[in-house]
Amino acid sequence: MKPPHYEMARSRRDFLARAGAGFGSLALAHLLGRTGALASSGNAPLLRHHAFGRAKSVIFLFMEGGPSHIDLFDPKPLLNKLAGQQLPASFKRPLTAMGEQDSPILAEKRVWKQHGQAGTWVSDWLPHTSTIVDDICVIRSCKQDGLNHVGSVCQMNTGSILAGRPSLGAWATYGLGTENENLPAFVVLTDSDAKPFNGSRNWGTGFMPSTYQGTPFKFGDEPVANLANPGGVSVGRQRQRIDFINQLNRRHIQPRSFQSDLEARINSFELAYRMQAEIPLAVDIADEPPHITELYGIGNPQTDANARNCLLARRLVERGVRFVQVFAGTGSKWDAHKGIEKNHTDRCAESDQPVAALIKDLKQRGLLDETLVIWGGEFGRTPMSEQGDGRDHNPWGFTMWMAGGGVKGGQTLGATDELGLYATEDPQHVHDLHSTILWSLGLDARKLIFMNNGTMENPVINQGDPFLKVFG
């Protein structure tokens, strides 16, 4: 009789009953564990699915709350012509989050100009971004399935509007491992002490081992919670303590190998010990020259939080961190249901300069080509008004942009209709966007497989294809 998988083999007969004819898989698992898809850490060669992948790292600049594409990157002159009127009869009435589908169209007050050699349209709300348009590819035809923030933020981070799946950063870490075993492979930065919608689920691992989850960082005396040694505890004493705890944990895990959290806990103790030396160096921006801190806007109360996060993101990818997620708007969100003029004026002023500085800084250091940067939120905003001077959620057509990682800058791809409500040309669902991001890393999303209860799971749930036009 074959013993249950969760019980430790007590004899050679038990072991053979478990292993069956699977001895070859032992060697395969060992190799994969060192080279990619099963690797949790270490300076291992990367397991790539295709030769195109030029990005080594990803920085995802997440504008939480939903920035208005039709006020930032997608000008629609018809908005002002039809202001105060309802949607034309030719437009399908959408089911909006706040039930404002029959509200009158809201005019936009932006001054639009074309910038760069390609003449990319950017509004006056983003003067700094307008200086980097030749390095970015604007995608105007993004779409997704969620109507509210909880489901939409979840899908943009995990591929599903329902909680429980691994985050995109976890998939990237699972597929490629890390280049610096003294730092987490996946780091999360927020611009306030508030958590984004769904909290840690945005950087969680779902059904995959917890070792691939994101690690939140923050500025201050304790960048990573509970990392510093207690007072009076030397490095040597801490090493002895960790060795003893790990010995107990390994003994505990032997009959419970099905509980991945236990293995992740052992790995986290070891990583934390190594991080104690590396983290202070990574987060200490005091060694940055004044012209760099000024470029990002550090010291300016309005830009300081996002400036520090963007600069830290550069320092982290410089040190081999695989995936950095930067949340902008965790406290004061881009969610302009009312008063979009003040809301977006403030949010743009907080993030525009740091974001542009990140692209310029990566480029001047020769890091942009090997770092994929993504900008965008969970959705856009509707052309119809809400509460008189705001805009509702729009998941049917919105804008994101990408730069670096093999992306061809100076492009504007895809399109929405005349009012910016629906994606009409080259629509890009979240699954397509995730496929594109992973493709830049050399990964084919459908071939990045994790076995979960006998099911072959992948990041895009067998949907979506990479948007190869972004690579030129």
Protein backbone atom coordinates (compact mmCIF):
# COMPACT_ATOMS: atom_id res chain seq x y z
CA MET A 1 0.00 0.00 0.00
CA LYS A 2 1.39 3.39 -0.98
CA PRO A 3 1.87 5.69 2.04
CA PRO A 4 0.20 9.16 2.06
CA HIS A 5 2.37 11.87 0.47
CA TYR A 6 2.45 13.92 3.67
CA GLU A 7 4.00 11.16 5.79
CA MET A 8 7.77 10.75 5.94
CA ALA A 9 9.06 7.54 4.35
CA ARG A 10 10.14 5.18 7.13
CA SER A 11 11.80 2.47 5.06
CA ARG A 12 13.33 1.77 1.64
CA ARG A 13 10.08 0.06 0.64
CA ASP A 14 8.11 3.21 1.52
CA PHE A 15 10.55 5.33 -0.44
CA LEU A 16 10.29 3.12 -3.55
CA ALA A 17 6.49 3.10 -3.29
CA ARG A 18 6.53 6.87 -3.38
CA ALA A 19 9.19 7.35 -6.01
CA GLY A 20 7.95 4.73 -8.48
CA ALA A 21 9.70 5.27 -11.78
CA GLY A 22 10.36 8.90 -11.03
CA PHE A 23 14.12 8.80 -10.32
CA GLY A 24 14.79 10.89 -13.41
CA SER A 25 12.59 13.65 -12.03
CA LEU A 26 14.88 13.93 -9.01
CA ALA A 27 17.74 15.03 -11.22
CA LEU A 28 15.43 17.28 -13.23
CA ALA A 29 14.13 18.97 -10.10
CA HIS A 30 17.71 19.52 -8.95
CA LEU A 31 18.64 21.17 -12.25
CA LEU A 32 15.51 23.31 -12.39
CA GLY A 33 16.02 24.32 -8.80
CA ARG A 34 19.39 25.74 -9.75
CA THR A 35 18.52 27.29 -13.10
CA GLY A 36 15.13 28.86 -12.94
CA ALA A 37 11.59 27.60 -12.72
CA LEU A 38 12.05 25.96 -9.33
CA ALA A 39 14.85 28.18 -8.06
CA SER A 40 14.17 30.27 -5.00
CA SER A 41 17.47 32.12 -4.77
CA GLY A 42 21.05 32.10 -5.85
CA ASN A 43 23.17 33.42 -8.67
CA ALA A 44 21.96 30.81 -11.15
CA PRO A 45 21.79 31.11 -14.95
CA LEU A 46 18.34 32.15 -16.11
CA LEU A 47 15.87 29.74 -17.66
CA ARG A 48 14.45 31.69 -20.63
CA HIS A 49 11.92 30.45 -23.15
CA HIS A 50 13.14 32.55 -26.08
CA ALA A 51 16.18 34.57 -27.08
CA PHE A 52 14.45 37.93 -27.38
CA GLY A 53 14.17 38.73 -23.68
CA ARG A 54 16.39 41.73 -22.93
CA ALA A 55 15.02 42.77 -19.55
CA LYS A 56 16.64 41.48 -16.39
CA SER A 57 14.37 43.40 -14.04
CA VAL A 58 10.92 45.00 -13.93
CA ILE A 59 9.77 48.20 -12.24
CA PHE A 60 5.97 48.47 -12.18
CA LEU A 61 4.83 52.02 -11.36
CA PHE A 62 1.27 51.42 -10.19
CA MET A 63 -0.94 54.55 -10.04
CA GLU A 64 -3.57 53.25 -7.66
CA GLY A 65 -7.13 54.47 -8.08
CA GLY A 66 -7.31 54.81 -11.86
CA PRO A 67 -5.69 57.78 -13.66
CA SER A 68 -7.81 59.37 -16.37
CA HIS A 69 -6.36 58.44 -19.75
CA ILE A 70 -8.52 61.01 -21.54
CA ASP A 71 -6.97 63.76 -19.44
CA LEU A 72 -3.37 62.54 -19.67
CA PHE A 73 -2.42 60.62 -22.85
CA ASP A 74 -5.51 60.18 -25.04
CA PRO A 75 -6.96 63.54 -26.19
CA LYS A 76 -10.59 63.50 -27.33
CA PRO A 77 -11.76 66.84 -28.83
CA LEU A 78 -15.30 65.47 -29.05
CA LEU A 79 -15.54 65.54 -25.25
CA ASN A 80 -15.73 69.33 -25.22
CA LYS A 81 -18.06 69.47 -28.22
CA LEU A 82 -20.57 67.13 -26.54
CA ALA A 83 -20.03 68.36 -22.95
CA GLY A 84 -23.29 68.40 -21.01
CA GLN A 85 -24.95 65.91 -23.36
CA GLN A 86 -25.52 62.20 -22.89
CA LEU A 87 -23.58 59.54 -24.78
CA PRO A 88 -24.60 59.42 -28.43
CA ALA A 89 -27.08 56.66 -29.25
CA SER A 90 -24.37 54.89 -31.27
CA PHE A 91 -22.48 54.12 -28.04
CA LYS A 92 -23.33 51.03 -26.03
CA ARG A 93 -24.31 52.03 -22.50
CA PRO A 94 -21.78 50.51 -20.08
CA LEU A 95 -22.56 49.15 -16.64
CA THR A 96 -20.52 51.55 -14.51
CA ALA A 97 -19.35 51.06 -10.95
CA MET A 98 -21.37 53.99 -9.61
CA GLY A 99 -24.29 53.77 -12.04
CA GLU A 100 -23.40 56.96 -13.90
CA GLN A 101 -23.81 55.61 -17.43
CA ASP A 102 -26.56 58.14 -18.24
CA SER A 103 -24.76 61.15 -16.76
CA PRO A 104 -23.77 63.95 -19.13
CA ILE A 105 -20.37 64.00 -20.77
CA LEU A 106 -17.74 65.92 -18.81
CA ALA A 107 -15.46 68.33 -20.68
CA GLU A 108 -11.72 68.26 -20.06
CA LYS A 109 -9.70 71.40 -19.43
CA ARG A 110 -6.28 70.25 -20.49
CA VAL A 111 -3.83 71.91 -22.82
CA TRP A 112 -2.51 69.25 -25.19
CA LYS A 113 0.76 69.29 -27.08
CA GLN A 114 2.76 66.82 -29.14
CA HIS A 115 6.22 66.05 -27.82
CA GLY A 116 9.38 64.30 -28.96
CA GLN A 117 10.40 63.23 -32.41
CA ALA A 118 7.29 61.05 -32.78
CA GLY A 119 4.89 63.77 -31.68
CA THR A 120 3.41 61.86 -28.73
CA TRP A 121 0.39 63.60 -27.22
CA VAL A 122 0.71 64.47 -23.51
CA SER A 123 -1.41 66.90 -21.51
CA ASP A 124 -0.13 69.81 -19.42
CA TRP A 125 -0.70 67.73 -16.29
CA LEU A 126 2.50 65.77 -17.08
CA PRO A 127 5.22 68.29 -18.09
CA HIS A 128 8.09 66.02 -16.95
CA THR A 129 6.73 62.91 -18.65
CA SER A 130 6.52 64.91 -21.88
CA THR A 131 10.34 65.06 -21.87
CA ILE A 132 10.75 61.26 -21.98
CA VAL A 133 8.18 60.34 -24.65
CA ASP A 134 10.85 59.17 -27.08
CA ASP A 135 11.75 56.47 -24.55
CA ILE A 136 8.22 55.25 -23.83
CA CYS A 137 5.61 53.29 -25.76
CA VAL A 138 2.09 54.54 -25.01
CA ILE A 139 -0.60 51.83 -25.21
CA ARG A 140 -4.03 53.46 -25.49
CA SER A 141 -6.12 50.30 -25.81
CA CYS A 142 -5.81 48.53 -22.46
CA LYS A 143 -8.83 46.77 -20.99
CA GLN A 144 -9.77 44.50 -18.14
CA ASP A 145 -12.70 42.77 -16.43
CA GLY A 146 -13.17 44.51 -13.08
CA LEU A 147 -15.59 47.34 -12.34
CA ASN A 148 -14.50 48.17 -8.80
CA HIS A 149 -11.09 48.77 -7.28
CA VAL A 150 -10.81 45.51 -5.35
CA GLY A 151 -11.35 43.28 -8.37
CA SER A 152 -9.49 45.53 -10.81
CA VAL A 153 -6.39 46.00 -8.67
CA CYS A 154 -6.43 42.25 -8.08
CA GLN A 155 -6.55 41.51 -11.81
CA MET A 156 -3.86 43.99 -12.75
CA ASN A 157 -1.57 42.36 -10.19
CA THR A 158 -2.58 38.69 -10.42
CA GLY A 159 -4.47 38.28 -13.70
CA SER A 160 -7.81 37.53 -12.02
CA ILE A 161 -10.52 39.69 -10.43
CA LEU A 162 -10.83 36.95 -7.79
CA ALA A 163 -8.27 36.65 -5.02
CA GLY A 164 -6.09 33.58 -4.66
CA ARG A 165 -3.76 33.60 -7.66
CA PRO A 166 -0.02 34.41 -7.62
CA SER A 167 1.02 37.97 -8.37
CA LEU A 168 2.90 38.88 -11.53
CA GLY A 169 6.02 39.58 -9.48
CA ALA A 170 5.78 36.13 -7.91
CA TRP A 171 5.56 34.51 -11.36
CA ALA A 172 8.61 36.44 -12.56
CA THR A 173 10.55 35.40 -9.46
CA TYR A 174 9.42 31.79 -9.82
CA GLY A 175 10.54 31.74 -13.44
CA LEU A 176 13.89 33.51 -13.14
CA GLY A 177 15.00 33.39 -9.54
CA THR A 178 17.20 36.24 -8.31
CA GLU A 179 20.58 37.71 -9.20
CA ASN A 180 21.34 38.84 -5.65
CA GLU A 181 20.90 36.27 -2.90
CA ASN A 182 21.34 38.97 -0.25
CA LEU A 183 18.21 40.87 -1.28
CA PRO A 184 14.62 39.77 -1.92
CA ALA A 185 13.91 39.01 -5.57
CA PHE A 186 10.58 40.88 -5.35
CA VAL A 187 10.27 44.20 -3.47
CA VAL A 188 7.19 46.37 -2.85
CA LEU A 189 7.29 50.13 -2.22
CA THR A 190 4.35 52.34 -1.20
CA ASP A 191 4.15 56.12 -0.96
CA SER A 192 2.38 56.13 2.42
CA ASP A 193 1.74 53.90 5.42
CA ALA A 194 -1.67 53.04 3.96
CA LYS A 195 -2.01 49.76 2.11
CA PRO A 196 -3.31 49.50 -1.46
CA PHE A 197 -6.61 47.76 -2.14
CA ASN A 198 -6.26 44.02 -1.28
CA GLY A 199 -3.10 44.69 0.72
CA SER A 200 -0.46 41.98 0.58
CA ARG A 201 -2.50 39.87 -1.86
CA ASN A 202 -1.14 42.17 -4.58
CA TRP A 203 2.31 40.73 -4.02
CA GLY A 204 1.32 37.32 -2.69
CA THR A 205 1.91 33.87 -4.15
CA GLY A 206 -1.55 32.30 -4.13
CA PHE A 207 -1.09 28.56 -4.62
CA MET A 208 2.68 28.81 -5.16
CA PRO A 209 5.24 28.53 -2.35
CA SER A 210 5.41 31.62 -0.16
CA THR A 211 9.11 32.05 -0.89
CA TYR A 212 8.21 33.93 -4.11
CA GLN A 213 6.14 36.63 -2.40
CA GLY A 214 7.05 40.32 -2.41
CA THR A 215 8.82 41.98 0.51
CA PRO A 216 7.53 45.44 1.51
CA PHE A 217 10.22 48.09 2.07
CA LYS A 218 9.86 51.53 3.58
CA PHE A 219 12.12 54.46 4.38
CA GLY A 220 13.28 55.17 7.90
CA ASP A 221 15.36 53.46 10.56
CA GLU A 222 13.78 50.08 9.84
CA PRO A 223 13.34 49.60 6.05
CA VAL A 224 12.15 46.01 6.53
CA ALA A 225 10.00 45.19 9.53
CA ASN A 226 11.63 43.07 12.25
CA LEU A 227 14.96 42.85 10.38
CA ALA A 228 17.31 44.57 12.82
CA ASN A 229 18.93 42.62 15.65
CA PRO A 230 17.62 43.29 19.17
CA GLY A 231 19.84 45.51 21.25
CA GLY A 232 22.94 43.79 22.59
CA VAL A 233 22.75 40.84 20.16
CA SER A 234 25.98 40.40 18.20
CA VAL A 235 26.24 39.09 14.65
CA GLY A 236 27.80 35.84 15.87
CA ARG A 237 25.11 35.27 18.44
CA GLN A 238 22.43 35.97 15.84
CA ARG A 239 24.03 33.41 13.50
CA GLN A 240 23.96 30.76 16.23
CA ARG A 241 20.33 31.56 17.01
CA ILE A 242 19.26 31.25 13.37
CA ASP A 243 21.17 27.98 12.95
CA PHE A 244 19.41 26.52 15.97
CA ILE A 245 15.95 27.73 14.85
CA ASN A 246 16.54 26.35 11.37
CA GLN A 247 17.58 23.00 12.83
CA LEU A 248 14.29 22.81 14.72
CA ASN A 249 12.32 23.98 11.68
CA ARG A 250 13.90 21.38 9.40
CA ARG A 251 13.12 18.65 11.88
CA HIS A 252 9.55 19.93 12.04
CA ILE A 253 9.15 20.11 8.26
CA GLN A 254 10.23 16.52 7.49
CA PRO A 255 6.78 14.95 7.92
CA ARG A 256 5.03 18.14 6.69
CA SER A 257 6.69 18.84 3.35
CA PHE A 258 3.30 19.66 1.82
CA GLN A 259 3.23 22.90 3.84
CA SER A 260 5.25 25.29 1.69
CA ASP A 261 5.05 28.07 4.29
CA LEU A 262 7.44 26.11 6.51
CA GLU A 263 10.15 25.99 3.84
CA ALA A 264 9.51 29.68 3.07
CA ARG A 265 9.99 30.48 6.75
CA ILE A 266 13.39 28.76 6.81
CA ASN A 267 14.40 30.62 3.65
CA SER A 268 13.21 33.91 5.12
CA PHE A 269 15.40 33.47 8.22
CA GLU A 270 18.45 32.91 6.04
CA LEU A 271 17.59 35.76 3.69
CA ALA A 272 16.92 38.10 6.60
CA TYR A 273 20.34 37.34 8.04
CA ARG A 274 22.02 38.19 4.72
CA MET A 275 19.80 41.23 4.26
CA GLN A 276 20.98 42.75 7.54
CA ALA A 277 24.24 43.68 5.83
CA GLU A 278 22.90 44.46 2.35
CA ILE A 279 19.69 46.42 3.06
CA PRO A 280 21.29 49.44 4.77
CA LEU A 281 23.55 49.91 1.74
CA ALA A 282 20.69 49.53 -0.73
CA VAL A 283 18.32 52.00 0.90
CA ASP A 284 20.84 54.63 2.01
CA ILE A 285 20.49 57.38 -0.58
CA ALA A 286 22.93 59.65 1.23
CA ASP A 287 25.63 58.60 -1.23
CA GLU A 288 23.60 59.90 -4.19
CA PRO A 289 24.98 63.14 -5.68
CA PRO A 290 22.86 66.30 -5.26
CA HIS A 291 22.00 66.53 -8.95
CA ILE A 292 20.39 63.07 -8.78
CA THR A 293 18.29 63.79 -5.68
CA GLU A 294 17.23 67.08 -7.28
CA LEU A 295 16.36 65.27 -10.50
CA TYR A 296 13.91 63.02 -8.62
CA GLY A 297 12.49 65.80 -6.45
CA ILE A 298 13.75 64.55 -3.09
CA GLY A 299 13.28 67.20 -0.43
CA ASN A 300 10.20 68.69 -2.05
CA PRO A 301 7.28 67.83 0.26
CA GLN A 302 5.01 67.23 -2.73
CA THR A 303 7.27 64.80 -4.59
CA ASP A 304 9.47 63.42 -1.81
CA ALA A 305 7.66 60.12 -1.11
CA ASN A 306 7.44 59.06 -4.76
CA ALA A 307 10.92 60.46 -5.47
CA ARG A 308 12.47 58.27 -2.79
CA ASN A 309 10.58 55.21 -4.02
CA CYS A 310 11.59 55.74 -7.65
CA LEU A 311 15.22 56.30 -6.69
CA LEU A 312 15.17 53.24 -4.44
CA ALA A 313 13.66 51.21 -7.28
CA ARG A 314 16.65 52.15 -9.43
CA ARG A 315 19.08 51.23 -6.64
CA LEU A 316 17.36 47.86 -6.19
CA VAL A 317 17.39 46.78 -9.84
CA GLU A 318 20.98 47.99 -9.97
CA ARG A 319 21.70 45.41 -7.28
CA GLY A 320 19.94 42.55 -9.05
CA VAL A 321 16.40 42.69 -7.62
CA ARG A 322 14.13 41.04 -10.18
CA PHE A 323 10.79 42.81 -9.68
CA VAL A 324 10.01 46.12 -7.95
CA GLN A 325 6.41 47.25 -7.54
CA VAL A 326 6.01 50.96 -6.72
CA PHE A 327 2.54 52.00 -5.57
CA ALA A 328 1.75 55.71 -6.02
CA GLY A 329 -1.53 56.87 -4.53
CA THR A 330 -1.93 54.45 -1.64
CA GLY A 331 -3.03 57.25 0.68
CA SER A 332 -4.55 59.88 -1.61
CA LYS A 333 -5.70 57.84 -4.59
CA TRP A 334 -6.24 58.71 -8.27
CA ASP A 335 -9.90 57.83 -7.71
CA ALA A 336 -11.51 61.06 -9.00
CA HIS A 337 -15.23 60.38 -8.61
CA LYS A 338 -15.54 64.05 -7.69
CA GLY A 339 -13.27 67.04 -8.23
CA ILE A 340 -11.02 65.53 -10.88
CA GLU A 341 -9.25 68.86 -11.42
CA LYS A 342 -7.86 69.00 -7.88
CA ASN A 343 -7.39 65.25 -7.53
CA HIS A 344 -5.36 64.78 -10.70
CA THR A 345 -3.51 68.07 -10.33
CA ASP A 346 -2.23 66.83 -6.97
CA ARG A 347 -1.53 63.23 -8.03
CA CYS A 348 0.35 64.33 -11.15
CA ALA A 349 2.39 66.85 -9.19
CA GLU A 350 3.38 64.11 -6.74
CA SER A 351 4.46 61.52 -9.31
CA ASP A 352 5.29 63.17 -12.65
CA GLN A 353 8.81 64.38 -11.83
CA PRO A 354 9.97 61.20 -9.99
CA VAL A 355 8.68 58.93 -12.77
CA ALA A 356 10.40 60.92 -15.52
CA ALA A 357 13.57 61.08 -13.43
CA LEU A 358 13.59 57.29 -13.09
CA ILE A 359 13.60 56.82 -16.87
CA LYS A 360 16.33 59.44 -17.35
CA ASP A 361 18.44 57.99 -14.54
CA LEU A 362 18.17 54.41 -15.79
CA LYS A 363 19.06 55.57 -19.28
CA GLN A 364 22.13 57.56 -18.30
CA ARG A 365 23.41 54.59 -16.27
CA GLY A 366 22.94 52.17 -19.14
CA LEU A 367 20.24 50.28 -17.22
CA LEU A 368 17.13 51.16 -19.21
CA ASP A 369 17.63 48.55 -21.91
CA GLU A 370 17.77 45.78 -19.30
CA THR A 371 15.00 47.19 -17.08
CA LEU A 372 11.35 47.14 -18.16
CA VAL A 373 9.34 50.01 -16.65
CA ILE A 374 5.54 49.96 -16.71
CA TRP A 375 3.27 52.89 -15.78
CA GLY A 376 -0.48 52.64 -15.24
CA GLY A 377 -3.34 51.98 -12.85
CA GLU A 378 -6.08 49.40 -12.52
CA PHE A 379 -8.30 51.20 -15.08
CA GLY A 380 -9.05 54.62 -16.57
CA ARG A 381 -11.95 57.06 -16.20
CA THR A 382 -15.19 57.51 -18.12
CA PRO A 383 -16.04 60.37 -20.48
CA MET A 384 -19.33 60.71 -18.57
CA SER A 385 -19.39 62.86 -15.44
CA GLU A 386 -19.95 61.76 -11.87
CA GLN A 387 -21.13 64.09 -9.12
CA GLY A 388 -20.86 66.94 -11.57
CA ASP A 389 -17.08 67.30 -11.81
CA GLY A 390 -15.62 63.79 -11.52
CA ARG A 391 -15.31 60.64 -13.63
CA ASP A 392 -16.34 57.04 -12.94
CA HIS A 393 -14.25 53.86 -13.43
CA ASN A 394 -13.46 52.79 -16.98
CA PRO A 395 -12.08 49.25 -17.46
CA TRP A 396 -13.11 49.05 -21.14
CA GLY A 397 -10.43 51.32 -22.60
CA PHE A 398 -7.50 53.06 -20.89
CA THR A 399 -3.82 53.90 -21.24
CA MET A 400 -0.61 52.42 -19.88
CA TRP A 401 2.96 52.87 -21.06
CA MET A 402 6.14 50.82 -21.11
CA ALA A 403 9.80 51.74 -21.46
CA GLY A 404 13.11 49.88 -21.59
CA GLY A 405 13.50 46.12 -21.68
CA GLY A 406 13.60 46.05 -25.48
CA VAL A 407 10.52 48.29 -25.87
CA LYS A 408 10.71 50.70 -28.80
CA GLY A 409 10.16 54.23 -27.52
CA GLY A 410 8.39 57.05 -29.31
CA GLN A 411 5.39 54.88 -30.21
CA THR A 412 1.67 55.29 -29.57
CA LEU A 413 -0.17 52.01 -30.11
CA GLY A 414 -3.83 51.05 -30.00
CA ALA A 415 -6.78 53.40 -29.78
CA THR A 416 -10.08 54.06 -28.03
CA ASP A 417 -13.25 55.41 -29.63
CA GLU A 418 -13.98 59.12 -30.16
CA LEU A 419 -14.84 59.63 -26.49
CA GLY A 420 -12.27 57.31 -24.91
CA LEU A 421 -14.80 54.84 -23.57
CA TYR A 422 -13.97 51.56 -25.36
CA ALA A 423 -10.72 50.13 -26.76
CA THR A 424 -11.25 49.81 -30.51
CA GLU A 425 -7.84 49.19 -32.10
CA ASP A 426 -5.41 46.50 -30.89
CA PRO A 427 -7.26 45.95 -27.59
CA GLN A 428 -4.89 44.69 -24.89
CA HIS A 429 -6.42 42.76 -22.04
CA VAL A 430 -4.54 42.41 -18.75
CA HIS A 431 -3.50 38.91 -19.84
CA ASP A 432 -1.92 40.39 -22.97
CA LEU A 433 -0.12 43.01 -20.89
CA HIS A 434 1.20 40.38 -18.49
CA SER A 435 2.31 38.23 -21.43
CA THR A 436 4.17 41.23 -22.85
CA ILE A 437 5.91 41.97 -19.56
CA LEU A 438 7.04 38.37 -19.15
CA TRP A 439 8.08 38.23 -22.82
CA SER A 440 10.43 41.14 -22.20
CA LEU A 441 12.04 38.99 -19.48
CA GLY A 442 12.46 36.11 -21.92
CA LEU A 443 9.50 34.15 -20.56
CA ASP A 444 6.56 32.73 -22.50
CA ALA A 445 3.62 33.14 -20.14
CA ARG A 446 1.88 29.99 -21.36
CA LYS A 447 5.01 27.89 -20.92
CA LEU A 448 5.69 29.17 -17.41
CA ILE A 449 3.96 26.27 -15.65
CA PHE A 450 3.28 25.56 -12.00
CA MET A 451 1.49 22.33 -11.07
CA ASN A 452 -1.34 23.00 -8.64
CA ASN A 453 -3.44 20.03 -7.53
CA GLY A 454 -2.80 18.30 -10.82
CA THR A 455 -3.59 21.40 -12.90
CA MET A 456 -1.00 23.07 -15.11
CA GLU A 457 -1.31 26.71 -14.04
CA ASN A 458 0.28 29.66 -15.85
CA PRO A 459 0.26 33.45 -15.24
CA VAL A 460 -2.31 34.27 -17.92
CA ILE A 461 -4.77 31.41 -17.32
CA ASN A 462 -4.21 30.25 -20.92
CA GLN A 463 -5.40 33.60 -22.29
CA GLY A 464 -3.63 36.53 -23.95
CA ASP A 465 -0.58 36.95 -26.12
CA PRO A 466 2.41 39.31 -25.97
CA PHE A 467 1.85 42.63 -27.74
CA LEU A 468 4.92 42.34 -29.93
CA LYS A 469 4.39 45.74 -31.56
CA VAL A 470 5.77 47.41 -28.44
CA PHE A 471 9.17 45.94 -29.26
CA GLY A 472 9.18 47.52 -32.72
